[in-house]
């Protein structure tokens, strides 16, 4: 006997309510609650997908086995996934429209198909002819690849059973609908149920599955937040459509680190990997200009050298403006307060703008000292040396605290031709300095400014 259940769900945040309301209590948006009617059998039970039930086991008796992985032959994608694609994993890929999500997945499916893996590409937004045109643009030699344009989840499952692929790509999850759910495709109930169904297929058959998710105007993946909790990995494809560089960032990964990034460049023949991102980010760095500092930041296991810029100018407003791109706005305000209190820089009547060149976002505290040096350099109109790299965390008392993996950062600076690195004095102990570079340890922000801006 089928049961009918009616509820209202917010299209923005997924908030559910038994009755309609004009304003969503979850995200405070107006007119976003839509009625959803679900039909379920009273005897319906989800399969666990683990191939059978077993009793609880002591942790010590469970054998440790390394997960086998598919090599996508794209080093940047393998890095973000944690070393390759795990069979049976469910990976959610999000990003702005036109950023290159479909191109990335089509190229990776080509690479896997050339190795003999069966790939099924399911498109709910494009026809098979459109996919063929994109494939011809990416390269003349198209590998054996199964392509289907379908939105019905039950028919998609039939195609999976017929082809028996090892990798499935769903582009996109917002266009797929479950026929037993009486709501439009892309609604909260449809996205939640189709993702759960695909997860059961992936786990039960051991199929690695990519699903593409649309994003909202705020940049978050559309649909309920539980969508990100259901999948094994969440990857964001970032960048500006008018810029050729793209950054693939993992914000969740059950099979690897969540701090890894992969960098690609969009060209006529598709995406190309950027093996040395530091060289790319510093290619257009101006020399002899105040407010420019190079910092070595760790993105997962990879050290990346980027240019950090600051512009400080007298304000024409009652309250000075503080703007930051690529770094935390609150962190910049704190560092400016430290410069005022501990160094004596009168920044209270100055507008301050901080920017990370290249569109990278730096979240670790090791970039604090570079922010402080850039702001002081612009305020005093004293350029920093083009051969210096600045690393360190700044405390509220003006001290410079130690950071992790300092040896990897120094080696990356040496490889790119830098002559001097300013680091916290704590990191000097036990450090083996490679020949060809000078390492200077500082204890306070005042010492760092004296070293960097003394010329």
Protein backbone atom coordinates (compact mmCIF):
# COMPACT_ATOMS: atom_id res chain seq x y z
CA UNK A 1 0.00 0.00 0.00
CA UNK A 2 1.50 3.34 -1.05
CA UNK A 3 1.63 6.26 1.35
CA UNK A 4 1.41 9.90 0.23
CA UNK A 5 3.17 12.52 2.28
CA UNK A 6 3.12 16.27 1.68
CA UNK A 7 5.61 18.76 3.05
CA UNK A 8 7.22 22.07 2.14
CA UNK A 9 10.97 22.41 1.54
CA UNK A 10 13.08 25.52 0.98
CA UNK A 11 14.80 25.59 -2.42
CA UNK A 12 17.73 27.58 -1.00
CA UNK A 13 18.74 25.85 2.25
CA UNK A 14 16.62 22.68 2.39
CA UNK A 15 14.60 23.67 5.49
CA UNK A 16 11.49 21.48 5.78
CA UNK A 17 8.15 22.53 7.21
CA UNK A 18 4.77 20.75 7.51
CA UNK A 19 3.02 23.92 6.29
CA UNK A 20 3.73 26.71 3.87
CA UNK A 21 5.38 29.91 5.10
CA UNK A 22 6.21 33.07 3.22
CA UNK A 23 9.64 33.46 4.81
CA UNK A 24 12.01 30.55 5.39
CA UNK A 25 13.12 30.35 9.05
CA UNK A 26 16.41 28.72 7.96
CA UNK A 27 17.87 31.17 5.44
CA UNK A 28 15.31 34.02 5.81
CA UNK A 29 14.52 34.00 2.08
CA UNK A 30 11.05 34.90 0.84
CA UNK A 31 8.81 32.62 -1.27
CA UNK A 32 11.30 29.74 -1.43
CA UNK A 33 9.18 27.01 0.25
CA UNK A 34 7.73 24.64 -2.35
CA UNK A 35 5.30 21.80 -1.73
CA UNK A 36 6.68 18.30 -2.27
CA UNK A 37 4.62 15.12 -2.39
CA UNK A 38 6.46 11.84 -1.93
CA UNK A 39 5.11 8.38 -2.61
CA UNK A 40 6.64 5.45 -0.75
CA UNK A 41 5.60 1.89 -0.17
CA UNK A 42 4.94 0.88 3.41
CA UNK A 43 7.17 -2.19 2.95
CA UNK A 44 10.01 -0.30 1.26
CA UNK A 45 13.44 -0.79 2.80
CA UNK A 46 16.77 0.62 1.65
CA UNK A 47 19.51 -1.85 0.91
CA UNK A 48 22.71 -1.18 2.77
CA UNK A 49 24.88 -1.81 -0.28
CA UNK A 50 27.54 -3.67 1.69
CA UNK A 51 26.82 -7.07 0.19
CA UNK A 52 25.40 -8.61 3.35
CA UNK A 53 25.17 -8.06 7.07
CA UNK A 54 27.72 -9.13 9.64
CA UNK A 55 28.14 -8.78 13.35
CA UNK A 56 30.17 -6.15 15.15
CA UNK A 57 33.92 -6.82 15.18
CA UNK A 58 36.66 -5.55 17.48
CA UNK A 59 38.68 -2.85 15.76
CA UNK A 60 41.94 -4.75 16.25
CA UNK A 61 40.61 -7.75 14.29
CA UNK A 62 39.73 -5.72 11.19
CA UNK A 63 42.40 -6.05 8.49
CA UNK A 64 43.96 -2.82 7.25
CA UNK A 65 43.79 -2.69 3.47
CA UNK A 66 44.83 0.18 1.26
CA UNK A 67 42.08 1.29 -1.10
CA UNK A 68 42.80 0.44 -4.77
CA UNK A 69 42.67 3.49 -7.00
CA UNK A 70 42.15 4.29 -10.67
CA UNK A 71 44.91 6.44 -12.16
CA UNK A 72 43.27 9.28 -14.09
CA UNK A 73 46.69 10.14 -15.65
CA UNK A 74 45.94 13.76 -14.65
CA UNK A 75 48.41 14.44 -11.84
CA UNK A 76 46.53 17.46 -10.50
CA UNK A 77 43.23 15.55 -10.30
CA UNK A 78 44.95 12.55 -8.69
CA UNK A 79 46.50 14.88 -6.11
CA UNK A 80 43.14 16.39 -5.11
CA UNK A 81 41.47 12.96 -4.95
CA UNK A 82 44.22 11.72 -2.63
CA UNK A 83 46.21 9.63 -5.11
CA UNK A 84 43.56 8.49 -7.61
CA UNK A 85 39.90 7.57 -7.95
CA UNK A 86 38.68 4.99 -5.42
CA UNK A 87 36.22 2.35 -6.79
CA UNK A 88 32.81 2.67 -5.17
CA UNK A 89 33.38 6.31 -4.18
CA UNK A 90 30.84 9.07 -4.76
CA UNK A 91 32.45 12.41 -5.69
CA UNK A 92 30.52 15.69 -5.92
CA UNK A 93 32.00 18.34 -8.23
CA UNK A 94 30.66 21.91 -7.96
CA UNK A 95 31.51 25.21 -9.61
CA UNK A 96 30.13 28.24 -11.41
CA UNK A 97 28.41 27.75 -14.79
CA UNK A 98 30.89 27.63 -17.65
CA UNK A 99 33.92 27.20 -15.40
CA UNK A 100 34.88 23.86 -17.00
CA UNK A 101 33.36 21.09 -14.84
CA UNK A 102 32.11 19.08 -17.81
CA UNK A 103 35.40 19.56 -19.65
CA UNK A 104 37.38 18.32 -16.66
CA UNK A 105 35.23 15.21 -16.22
CA UNK A 106 35.16 14.46 -19.95
CA UNK A 107 38.95 14.69 -20.16
CA UNK A 108 39.39 12.45 -17.11
CA UNK A 109 36.91 9.93 -18.57
CA UNK A 110 38.94 9.92 -21.81
CA UNK A 111 42.11 9.16 -19.85
CA UNK A 112 40.43 6.31 -17.96
CA UNK A 113 38.85 4.88 -21.12
CA UNK A 114 42.25 4.75 -22.82
CA UNK A 115 43.42 2.48 -19.99
CA UNK A 116 40.64 0.01 -20.71
CA UNK A 117 38.10 1.07 -18.07
CA UNK A 118 34.41 1.15 -18.98
CA UNK A 119 33.05 4.67 -18.60
CA UNK A 120 29.40 5.74 -18.74
CA UNK A 121 28.79 9.48 -19.20
CA UNK A 122 25.19 10.45 -18.38
CA UNK A 123 24.18 13.94 -19.45
CA UNK A 124 20.94 15.54 -18.36
CA UNK A 125 21.69 18.96 -19.85
CA UNK A 126 23.20 18.20 -23.27
CA UNK A 127 22.41 15.87 -26.13
CA UNK A 128 24.81 13.17 -27.24
CA UNK A 129 25.66 15.25 -30.32
CA UNK A 130 26.71 18.19 -28.15
CA UNK A 131 28.95 15.90 -26.11
CA UNK A 132 30.44 14.57 -29.35
CA UNK A 133 31.23 18.12 -30.49
CA UNK A 134 33.02 18.84 -27.20
CA UNK A 135 34.90 15.56 -27.47
CA UNK A 136 36.07 16.46 -31.00
CA UNK A 137 37.30 19.81 -29.72
CA UNK A 138 39.29 18.15 -26.94
CA UNK A 139 41.12 15.82 -29.31
CA UNK A 140 40.79 13.94 -32.61
CA UNK A 141 41.28 10.46 -31.12
CA UNK A 142 38.12 9.77 -29.14
CA UNK A 143 38.52 6.69 -26.90
CA UNK A 144 35.71 4.15 -26.41
CA UNK A 145 33.22 5.87 -24.15
CA UNK A 146 29.54 5.15 -23.47
CA UNK A 147 27.37 8.29 -23.60
CA UNK A 148 23.66 8.67 -22.91
CA UNK A 149 21.36 11.68 -22.51
CA UNK A 150 18.85 10.76 -19.79
CA UNK A 151 17.11 12.35 -16.79
CA UNK A 152 15.04 9.44 -15.43
CA UNK A 153 16.89 7.75 -12.57
CA UNK A 154 15.31 4.36 -13.18
CA UNK A 155 16.37 4.43 -16.85
CA UNK A 156 19.87 5.56 -15.80
CA UNK A 157 20.06 2.54 -13.50
CA UNK A 158 19.04 0.32 -16.43
CA UNK A 159 21.88 1.77 -18.54
CA UNK A 160 24.31 1.11 -15.67
CA UNK A 161 23.16 -2.52 -15.43
CA UNK A 162 23.45 -2.93 -19.20
CA UNK A 163 26.90 -1.31 -19.68
CA UNK A 164 28.38 -2.47 -16.33
CA UNK A 165 30.80 0.47 -16.16
CA UNK A 166 33.59 1.00 -13.65
CA UNK A 167 33.13 4.80 -13.64
CA UNK A 168 29.85 6.75 -14.01
CA UNK A 169 29.57 10.51 -14.53
CA UNK A 170 26.23 12.24 -13.84
CA UNK A 171 26.04 15.75 -15.33
CA UNK A 172 24.21 17.10 -13.42
CA UNK A 173 22.38 15.89 -10.33
CA UNK A 174 19.88 18.80 -10.47
CA UNK A 175 18.49 17.53 -13.79
CA UNK A 176 17.94 13.91 -12.66
CA UNK A 177 14.56 12.96 -11.19
CA UNK A 178 13.16 9.92 -9.43
CA UNK A 179 9.76 9.00 -10.93
CA UNK A 180 8.37 8.00 -7.51
CA UNK A 181 8.95 11.52 -6.12
CA UNK A 182 6.13 13.88 -7.07
CA UNK A 183 8.18 17.08 -7.35
CA UNK A 184 10.17 18.87 -10.01
CA UNK A 185 13.73 17.92 -10.90
CA UNK A 186 16.22 19.94 -8.86
CA UNK A 187 13.98 20.23 -5.82
CA UNK A 188 15.31 19.35 -2.39
CA UNK A 189 13.48 16.01 -2.25
CA UNK A 190 14.61 15.00 -5.76
CA UNK A 191 18.27 15.91 -5.20
CA UNK A 192 18.34 14.13 -1.85
CA UNK A 193 16.66 10.95 -3.07
CA UNK A 194 18.54 10.67 -6.38
CA UNK A 195 21.89 11.16 -4.63
CA UNK A 196 21.02 8.52 -2.03
CA UNK A 197 19.99 6.10 -4.80
CA UNK A 198 23.21 6.72 -6.74
CA UNK A 199 25.18 6.21 -3.55
CA UNK A 200 23.57 2.80 -3.02
CA UNK A 201 24.41 1.83 -6.60
CA UNK A 202 28.01 3.03 -6.26
CA UNK A 203 28.61 1.20 -2.97
CA UNK A 204 26.74 -1.94 -3.95
CA UNK A 205 28.41 -2.40 -7.35
CA UNK A 206 31.77 -0.80 -6.58
CA UNK A 207 31.33 1.89 -9.26
CA UNK A 208 33.27 5.14 -8.91
CA UNK A 209 30.71 7.89 -9.51
CA UNK A 210 31.12 11.60 -10.26
CA UNK A 211 28.08 13.84 -9.86
CA UNK A 212 28.08 17.47 -10.97
CA UNK A 213 26.23 19.92 -8.74
CA UNK A 214 24.99 23.42 -9.55
CA UNK A 215 25.96 26.27 -7.26
CA UNK A 216 23.89 29.12 -5.84
CA UNK A 217 24.66 32.81 -6.33
CA UNK A 218 26.59 32.71 -3.04
CA UNK A 219 28.89 30.02 -4.47
CA UNK A 220 27.61 27.08 -2.36
CA UNK A 221 26.35 23.86 -3.94
CA UNK A 222 22.62 24.10 -4.54
CA UNK A 223 20.30 21.79 -2.66
CA UNK A 224 20.27 20.58 0.93
CA UNK A 225 23.51 20.67 2.91
CA UNK A 226 23.08 16.96 3.65
CA UNK A 227 24.07 16.37 0.01
CA UNK A 228 27.68 17.18 0.93
CA UNK A 229 27.49 14.84 3.94
CA UNK A 230 26.27 11.91 1.85
CA UNK A 231 29.12 11.88 -0.69
CA UNK A 232 32.69 10.72 -0.10
CA UNK A 233 34.40 13.79 -1.56
CA UNK A 234 33.38 17.34 -2.45
CA UNK A 235 35.47 19.18 -5.04
CA UNK A 236 35.04 22.83 -5.99
CA UNK A 237 36.23 24.03 -9.39
CA UNK A 238 37.08 27.71 -8.95
CA UNK A 239 38.30 30.55 -11.14
CA UNK A 240 37.10 33.41 -13.27
CA UNK A 241 35.70 32.76 -16.71
CA UNK A 242 37.74 35.67 -18.07
CA UNK A 243 40.93 34.18 -16.59
CA UNK A 244 42.55 31.06 -18.02
CA UNK A 245 43.58 29.51 -14.70
CA UNK A 246 41.30 27.13 -12.77
CA UNK A 247 41.75 25.75 -9.25
CA UNK A 248 40.29 22.41 -8.17
CA UNK A 249 39.97 22.37 -4.39
CA UNK A 250 38.89 19.52 -2.09
CA UNK A 251 36.71 20.66 0.82
CA UNK A 252 35.87 17.09 1.86
CA UNK A 253 37.66 13.83 1.11
CA UNK A 254 37.27 10.55 2.97
CA UNK A 255 40.22 9.08 1.06
CA UNK A 256 42.76 11.89 1.27
CA UNK A 257 43.66 15.36 2.50
CA UNK A 258 41.17 18.23 2.31
CA UNK A 259 43.89 20.85 1.83
CA UNK A 260 45.07 19.77 -1.61
CA UNK A 261 44.53 21.90 -4.71
CA UNK A 262 44.99 21.17 -8.40
CA UNK A 263 45.74 23.96 -10.85
CA UNK A 264 44.76 23.88 -14.51
CA UNK A 265 44.91 26.27 -17.42
CA UNK A 266 42.00 26.44 -19.84
CA UNK A 267 43.18 26.34 -23.45
CA UNK A 268 41.62 25.70 -26.84
CA UNK A 269 42.16 21.94 -26.52
CA UNK A 270 40.74 21.78 -23.00
CA UNK A 271 42.36 21.88 -19.58
CA UNK A 272 46.12 21.55 -19.19
CA UNK A 273 47.83 20.84 -15.88
CA UNK A 274 50.07 23.46 -14.28
CA UNK A 275 52.97 21.53 -12.78
CA UNK A 276 54.68 24.57 -11.23
CA UNK A 277 51.99 26.96 -9.97
CA UNK A 278 54.48 29.15 -8.07
CA UNK A 279 56.15 30.16 -11.32
CA UNK A 280 52.78 31.03 -12.85
CA UNK A 281 51.62 33.12 -9.89
CA UNK A 282 54.87 35.12 -9.82
CA UNK A 283 55.21 35.60 -13.58
CA UNK A 284 53.75 39.14 -13.60
CA UNK A 285 55.10 40.30 -10.26
CA UNK A 286 56.27 43.94 -10.42
CA UNK A 287 59.80 44.74 -9.20
CA UNK A 288 60.61 47.71 -7.00
CA UNK A 289 56.98 48.52 -6.11
CA UNK A 290 55.92 49.17 -2.52
CA UNK A 291 53.31 46.84 -1.02
CA UNK A 292 54.36 43.63 -2.85
CA UNK A 293 55.62 40.63 -0.85
CA UNK A 294 56.15 36.97 -1.72
CA UNK A 295 54.95 34.34 0.75
CA UNK A 296 55.33 30.55 0.76
CA UNK A 297 52.02 28.90 1.64
CA UNK A 298 51.28 25.20 2.02
CA UNK A 299 48.36 23.87 0.01
CA UNK A 300 48.08 20.34 1.31
CA UNK A 301 51.47 18.71 0.71
CA UNK A 302 52.52 21.27 -1.90
CA UNK A 303 54.35 24.54 -1.13
CA UNK A 304 53.09 27.39 -3.33
CA UNK A 305 54.77 30.79 -3.63
CA UNK A 306 52.34 33.62 -4.33
CA UNK A 307 52.47 37.39 -4.40
CA UNK A 308 50.61 39.25 -1.67
CA UNK A 309 49.82 42.89 -2.45
CA UNK A 310 48.67 45.75 -0.22
CA UNK A 311 47.65 49.31 -0.93
CA UNK A 312 47.37 51.84 1.91
CA UNK A 313 46.14 55.36 1.16
CA UNK A 314 44.56 58.22 3.14
CA UNK A 315 40.81 57.84 3.49
CA UNK A 316 38.17 60.33 2.44
CA UNK A 317 35.50 58.69 4.62
CA UNK A 318 34.72 58.92 8.32
CA UNK A 319 35.37 55.18 8.69
CA UNK A 320 38.37 53.90 6.70
CA UNK A 321 37.76 51.03 4.30
CA UNK A 322 39.28 47.60 4.90
CA UNK A 323 39.03 45.21 1.93
CA UNK A 324 40.71 41.83 1.48
CA UNK A 325 40.65 39.38 -1.43
CA UNK A 326 42.14 35.92 -1.01
CA UNK A 327 42.77 36.25 2.75
CA UNK A 328 40.53 36.50 5.80
CA UNK A 329 39.19 40.03 6.24
CA UNK A 330 39.16 39.73 10.05
CA UNK A 331 42.77 38.53 10.04
CA UNK A 332 43.85 41.62 8.09
CA UNK A 333 42.07 43.92 10.58
CA UNK A 334 43.84 42.17 13.47
CA UNK A 335 47.27 42.53 11.86
CA UNK A 336 46.64 46.22 11.21
CA UNK A 337 45.75 46.66 14.88
CA UNK A 338 49.04 44.98 15.84
CA UNK A 339 50.95 47.32 13.50
CA UNK A 340 49.29 50.33 15.12
CA UNK A 341 49.84 49.22 18.70
CA UNK A 342 53.26 47.54 18.53
CA UNK A 343 54.98 49.34 15.65
CA UNK A 344 53.35 52.78 15.86
CA UNK A 345 52.00 52.94 12.31
CA UNK A 346 49.08 55.38 12.23
CA UNK A 347 46.67 53.37 10.11
CA UNK A 348 43.43 54.55 11.69
CA UNK A 349 42.89 57.20 8.99
CA UNK A 350 44.08 55.00 6.09
CA UNK A 351 42.14 52.87 3.62
CA UNK A 352 43.72 49.42 3.26
CA UNK A 353 43.31 46.94 0.40
CA UNK A 354 44.95 43.49 0.50
CA UNK A 355 44.95 41.12 -2.45
CA UNK A 356 46.45 37.72 -3.30
CA UNK A 357 47.54 37.76 -6.95
CA UNK A 358 46.36 34.91 -9.16
CA UNK A 359 43.00 34.26 -7.51
CA UNK A 360 44.36 31.91 -4.82
CA UNK A 361 42.86 31.87 -1.33
CA UNK A 362 45.32 31.61 1.59
CA UNK A 363 43.81 30.32 4.84
CA UNK A 364 46.81 29.39 6.97
CA UNK A 365 48.28 31.75 9.60
CA UNK A 366 51.79 31.46 8.07
CA UNK A 367 50.89 34.34 5.72
CA UNK A 368 50.37 36.82 8.60
CA UNK A 369 53.89 38.24 8.48
CA UNK A 370 53.70 38.77 4.71
CA UNK A 371 50.44 40.71 5.17
CA UNK A 372 52.06 42.90 7.82
CA UNK A 373 55.15 43.54 5.65
CA UNK A 374 53.00 44.41 2.60
CA UNK A 375 50.87 46.88 4.59
CA UNK A 376 53.92 48.51 6.21
CA UNK A 377 55.72 48.67 2.86
CA UNK A 378 52.80 50.44 1.20
CA UNK A 379 52.27 52.79 4.15
CA UNK A 380 55.94 53.83 4.25
CA UNK A 381 56.23 53.69 0.45
CA UNK A 382 59.31 51.49 0.76
CA UNK A 383 59.56 48.58 -1.71
CA UNK A 384 60.63 45.17 -0.52
CA UNK A 385 63.50 43.25 -2.09
CA UNK A 386 62.42 41.11 -5.08
CA UNK A 387 64.64 38.29 -3.74
CA UNK A 388 62.92 37.94 -0.33
CA UNK A 389 60.28 35.47 0.84
CA UNK A 390 58.47 36.16 4.13
CA UNK A 391 56.92 33.41 6.29
CA UNK A 392 55.47 33.53 9.80
CA UNK A 393 52.43 33.81 12.07
CA UNK A 394 51.86 37.07 13.95
CA UNK A 395 50.53 37.15 17.53
CA UNK A 396 48.65 39.96 19.25
CA UNK A 397 51.72 41.00 21.22
CA UNK A 398 53.72 41.42 18.02
CA UNK A 399 55.65 38.15 18.29
CA UNK A 400 56.36 35.99 15.25
CA UNK A 401 55.37 32.37 15.87
CA UNK A 402 56.72 29.23 14.22
CA UNK A 403 55.06 27.47 11.28
CA UNK A 404 55.07 23.91 9.99
CA UNK A 405 56.99 22.37 7.05
CA UNK A 406 59.48 25.22 6.89
CA UNK A 407 62.06 23.12 5.03
CA UNK A 408 59.67 22.47 2.12
CA UNK A 409 58.87 26.18 1.86
CA UNK A 410 62.56 27.11 1.80
CA UNK A 411 63.37 24.55 -0.89
CA UNK A 412 60.53 25.87 -3.07
CA UNK A 413 61.88 29.43 -2.67
CA UNK A 414 65.39 28.26 -3.61
CA UNK A 415 64.08 26.43 -6.66
CA UNK A 416 62.50 29.66 -7.97
CA UNK A 417 65.69 31.68 -7.49
CA UNK A 418 64.99 33.60 -4.27
CA UNK A 419 68.07 34.56 -2.24
CA UNK A 420 66.67 35.20 1.26
CA UNK A 421 63.87 33.87 3.46
CA UNK A 422 62.57 35.62 6.60
CA UNK A 423 61.19 33.00 9.00
CA UNK A 424 60.33 32.77 12.74
CA UNK A 425 63.36 32.28 14.96
CA UNK A 426 61.78 29.15 16.45
CA UNK A 427 62.04 27.40 13.08
CA UNK A 428 65.80 28.02 12.92
CA UNK A 429 66.53 25.35 15.54
CA UNK A 430 67.58 22.10 13.90
CA UNK A 431 66.99 23.48 10.40
CA UNK A 432 69.37 22.35 7.67
CA UNK A 433 69.68 25.32 5.34
CA UNK A 434 70.40 24.31 1.73
CA UNK A 435 73.30 26.13 0.03
CA UNK A 436 72.41 29.09 -2.15
CA UNK A 437 69.87 30.79 0.11
CA UNK A 438 70.08 32.88 3.27
CA UNK A 439 67.68 32.23 6.14
CA UNK A 440 67.04 34.94 8.75
CA UNK A 441 65.12 34.26 11.95
CA UNK A 442 63.05 36.99 13.60
CA UNK A 443 61.29 37.05 16.96
CA UNK A 444 59.02 40.07 16.56
CA UNK A 445 57.25 41.89 13.77
CA UNK A 446 59.53 44.90 14.40
CA UNK A 447 62.61 42.78 13.63
CA UNK A 448 61.01 41.49 10.46
CA UNK A 449 60.19 44.99 9.21
CA UNK A 450 63.76 46.11 10.02
CA UNK A 451 65.20 43.26 7.93
CA UNK A 452 62.85 43.56 4.98
CA UNK A 453 62.51 47.36 4.74
CA UNK A 454 65.94 48.48 5.89
CA UNK A 455 67.02 49.38 2.36
